[in-house]
Amino acid sequence: MNPRKLAPVLQERATQYPVVTLTGPRQSGKTTLCKALFPGLPYLSLESLDNRGFAQSDPRGFLKQYSEGAILDEIQRVPDLVSYLQEEVDKDPRPGRFILTGSENLAVSSTVSQSLAGRSAMLTLLPLSLEERANFEGVPSDLWTSMLMGGYPRIYDRGLSSSIWLGDYIANYVER
């Protein structure tokens, strides 16, 4: 993983709050960053129908499995879980226990702010900055070309055609 400027802030907040919530657009690198910074925490994606179903049908049982903490990815898929998480962190407010990620900023922010106010740090990870892109090989030095390529990590990690990838990305959002 290439370094992200938000990494030290995310790590610092995890020493201060029992929950850290990281939002941002899809494919901006939230999952990759959280897995790299918190390798000792189990990772669960709530995109997975099995994980989502368990979290919805038995939220207390779901969280009981992760009493030491976890990275819960795509938390907007099970918004009611946040209320149960509030109970959990009120009983045990150790910092850095839960890292939440979510792609739909308004949905996540609203849910977290209602249930986890004062218990969760809120951070946003945007696509790669120009400074962060410089860590990749083959990045154009021309500002305009670099801007047109966009800042999504997958373009740079995989050497993809930015015009094709961005076209597909936008089409998926418009169709959604």
Protein backbone atom coordinates (compact mmCIF):
# COMPACT_ATOMS: atom_id res chain seq x y z
CA MET A 1 0.00 0.00 0.00
CA ASN A 2 1.25 3.45 -0.88
CA PRO A 3 1.22 5.94 1.99
CA ARG A 4 -1.88 8.06 2.47
CA LYS A 5 -1.74 11.47 4.14
CA LEU A 6 -4.74 10.60 6.29
CA ALA A 7 -3.02 7.52 7.81
CA PRO A 8 -1.41 9.24 10.83
CA VAL A 9 -4.64 11.09 11.62
CA LEU A 10 -6.63 7.86 11.45
CA GLN A 11 -4.15 6.12 13.75
CA GLU A 12 -4.17 9.03 16.20
CA ARG A 13 -7.98 9.12 16.38
CA ALA A 14 -7.97 5.38 17.08
CA THR A 15 -5.98 6.12 20.24
CA GLN A 16 -8.62 8.62 21.38
CA TYR A 17 -12.03 7.20 20.43
CA PRO A 18 -13.57 3.74 20.78
CA VAL A 19 -14.89 4.06 17.22
CA VAL A 20 -13.39 5.73 14.17
CA THR A 21 -15.63 6.17 11.15
CA LEU A 22 -14.01 6.59 7.76
CA THR A 23 -16.21 7.69 4.88
CA GLY A 24 -15.48 8.55 1.30
CA PRO A 25 -16.33 7.63 -2.26
CA ARG A 26 -16.26 4.02 -3.37
CA GLN A 27 -12.83 2.85 -4.49
CA SER A 28 -10.99 5.68 -2.71
CA GLY A 29 -8.94 3.22 -0.65
CA LYS A 30 -10.81 3.06 2.67
CA THR A 31 -10.67 -0.71 3.05
CA THR A 32 -7.04 -0.98 1.97
CA LEU A 33 -6.02 1.76 4.39
CA CYS A 34 -7.89 0.31 7.36
CA LYS A 35 -6.61 -3.22 6.79
CA ALA A 36 -3.03 -1.91 6.55
CA LEU A 37 -3.24 0.30 9.64
CA PHE A 38 -5.14 -2.11 11.88
CA PRO A 39 -3.88 -5.61 11.00
CA GLY A 40 -4.72 -6.90 14.48
CA LEU A 41 -8.45 -6.26 14.04
CA PRO A 42 -10.66 -8.79 12.27
CA TYR A 43 -12.09 -7.46 9.00
CA LEU A 44 -15.74 -7.95 8.03
CA SER A 45 -17.47 -6.62 4.96
CA LEU A 46 -21.16 -5.97 5.40
CA GLU A 47 -21.45 -6.19 1.61
CA SER A 48 -21.27 -9.96 2.15
CA LEU A 49 -24.82 -11.27 2.35
CA ASP A 50 -23.85 -13.74 5.09
CA ASN A 51 -22.27 -11.08 7.31
CA ARG A 52 -25.05 -8.61 6.59
CA GLY A 53 -27.78 -11.15 7.32
CA PHE A 54 -26.19 -12.14 10.64
CA ALA A 55 -25.69 -8.50 11.66
CA GLN A 56 -29.32 -7.70 10.81
CA SER A 57 -30.93 -10.74 12.36
CA ASP A 58 -28.83 -10.94 15.54
CA PRO A 59 -26.87 -7.70 16.05
CA ARG A 60 -25.92 -8.51 19.64
CA GLY A 61 -24.68 -11.97 18.68
CA PHE A 62 -22.80 -10.50 15.73
CA LEU A 63 -21.02 -7.92 17.90
CA LYS A 64 -20.38 -10.45 20.68
CA GLN A 65 -18.06 -12.30 18.28
CA TYR A 66 -16.01 -9.11 17.99
CA SER A 67 -15.90 -7.92 21.59
CA GLU A 68 -12.21 -7.06 21.16
CA GLY A 69 -13.06 -4.95 18.12
CA ALA A 70 -13.17 -5.19 14.33
CA ILE A 71 -13.10 -3.31 11.08
CA LEU A 72 -16.71 -3.17 9.89
CA ASP A 73 -16.68 -2.26 6.22
CA GLU A 74 -19.69 -0.73 4.46
CA ILE A 75 -21.56 0.01 7.68
CA GLN A 76 -24.33 1.79 5.73
CA ARG A 77 -25.58 -1.69 4.73
CA VAL A 78 -26.70 -2.35 8.34
CA PRO A 79 -27.43 1.09 9.81
CA ASP A 80 -29.25 -0.32 12.85
CA LEU A 81 -26.04 -2.06 13.93
CA VAL A 82 -24.69 1.34 15.01
CA SER A 83 -27.23 1.55 17.85
CA TYR A 84 -26.06 -1.81 19.18
CA LEU A 85 -22.47 -0.68 18.75
CA GLN A 86 -23.28 2.30 20.99
CA GLU A 87 -24.25 -0.08 23.79
CA GLU A 88 -21.05 -2.07 23.27
CA VAL A 89 -18.71 0.93 23.43
CA ASP A 90 -20.57 2.41 26.38
CA LYS A 91 -19.82 -0.80 28.31
CA ASP A 92 -16.21 -0.89 27.13
CA PRO A 93 -14.93 2.45 25.78
CA ARG A 94 -11.37 1.31 25.02
CA PRO A 95 -9.99 3.40 22.16
CA GLY A 96 -9.60 1.93 18.70
CA ARG A 97 -11.89 -1.05 19.13
CA PHE A 98 -14.04 -0.49 16.08
CA ILE A 99 -13.18 1.02 12.73
CA LEU A 100 -16.22 1.67 10.56
CA THR A 101 -16.13 2.46 6.87
CA GLY A 102 -18.87 3.60 4.58
CA SER A 103 -19.18 4.77 1.03
CA GLU A 104 -22.41 6.69 1.28
CA ASN A 105 -21.28 9.65 3.31
CA LEU A 106 -24.69 11.17 4.14
CA ALA A 107 -26.21 7.85 5.22
CA VAL A 108 -23.22 6.93 7.35
CA SER A 109 -22.77 10.40 8.85
CA SER A 110 -26.42 10.64 9.82
CA THR A 111 -26.52 7.18 11.40
CA VAL A 112 -23.24 7.58 13.28
CA SER A 113 -23.95 11.11 14.48
CA GLN A 114 -27.26 10.01 15.99
CA SER A 115 -25.97 6.96 17.85
CA LEU A 116 -22.25 7.47 18.32
CA ALA A 117 -21.96 11.19 18.98
CA GLY A 118 -18.90 11.76 21.14
CA ARG A 119 -17.87 8.11 20.75
CA SER A 120 -16.66 8.17 17.15
CA ALA A 121 -14.16 10.27 15.25
CA MET A 122 -15.40 11.09 11.75
CA LEU A 123 -12.86 11.17 8.92
CA THR A 124 -13.17 11.32 5.13
CA LEU A 125 -10.79 9.65 2.69
CA LEU A 126 -10.85 11.18 -0.76
CA PRO A 127 -9.13 9.78 -3.85
CA LEU A 128 -5.37 10.22 -4.13
CA SER A 129 -3.98 13.73 -3.92
CA LEU A 130 -1.32 14.87 -6.40
CA GLU A 131 1.25 14.35 -3.66
CA GLU A 132 0.04 10.80 -2.98
CA ARG A 133 0.03 9.95 -6.71
CA ALA A 134 3.72 10.78 -6.88
CA ASN A 135 4.41 7.52 -5.00
CA PHE A 136 3.27 5.47 -7.99
CA GLU A 137 5.33 4.62 -11.05
CA GLY A 138 4.40 6.12 -14.40
CA VAL A 139 2.39 9.04 -13.07
CA PRO A 140 2.32 11.85 -15.62
CA SER A 141 4.27 14.94 -14.63
CA ASP A 142 1.89 17.19 -16.55
CA LEU A 143 -0.70 18.63 -14.15
CA TRP A 144 -3.58 18.59 -16.65
CA THR A 145 -2.97 15.00 -17.70
CA SER A 146 -2.71 13.99 -14.06
CA MET A 147 -5.98 15.77 -13.26
CA LEU A 148 -7.75 14.07 -16.15
CA MET A 149 -6.54 10.68 -14.92
CA GLY A 150 -8.27 11.24 -11.60
CA GLY A 151 -7.10 10.06 -8.23
CA TYR A 152 -8.60 6.65 -7.75
CA PRO A 153 -5.95 4.22 -6.48
CA ARG A 154 -7.03 1.31 -8.70
CA ILE A 155 -6.06 3.27 -11.82
CA TYR A 156 -2.51 3.63 -10.54
CA ASP A 157 -2.19 0.27 -8.74
CA ARG A 158 -3.18 -1.69 -11.80
CA GLY A 159 -1.99 0.62 -14.58
CA LEU A 160 -5.52 0.89 -15.97
CA SER A 161 -6.73 3.24 -18.67
CA SER A 162 -8.19 6.09 -16.64
CA SER A 163 -10.71 7.09 -19.32
CA ILE A 164 -12.14 3.55 -19.47
CA TRP A 165 -12.09 2.99 -15.70
CA LEU A 166 -13.62 6.39 -14.90
CA GLY A 167 -16.24 5.91 -17.62
CA ASP A 168 -17.24 2.57 -16.11
CA TYR A 169 -17.19 4.02 -12.59
CA ILE A 170 -19.49 6.89 -13.55
CA ALA A 171 -21.79 4.60 -15.57
CA ASN A 172 -22.19 2.33 -12.53
CA TYR A 173 -23.19 5.29 -10.37
CA VAL A 174 -25.61 6.73 -12.95
CA GLU A 175 -27.24 3.32 -13.46
CA ARG A 176 -27.48 2.82 -9.72
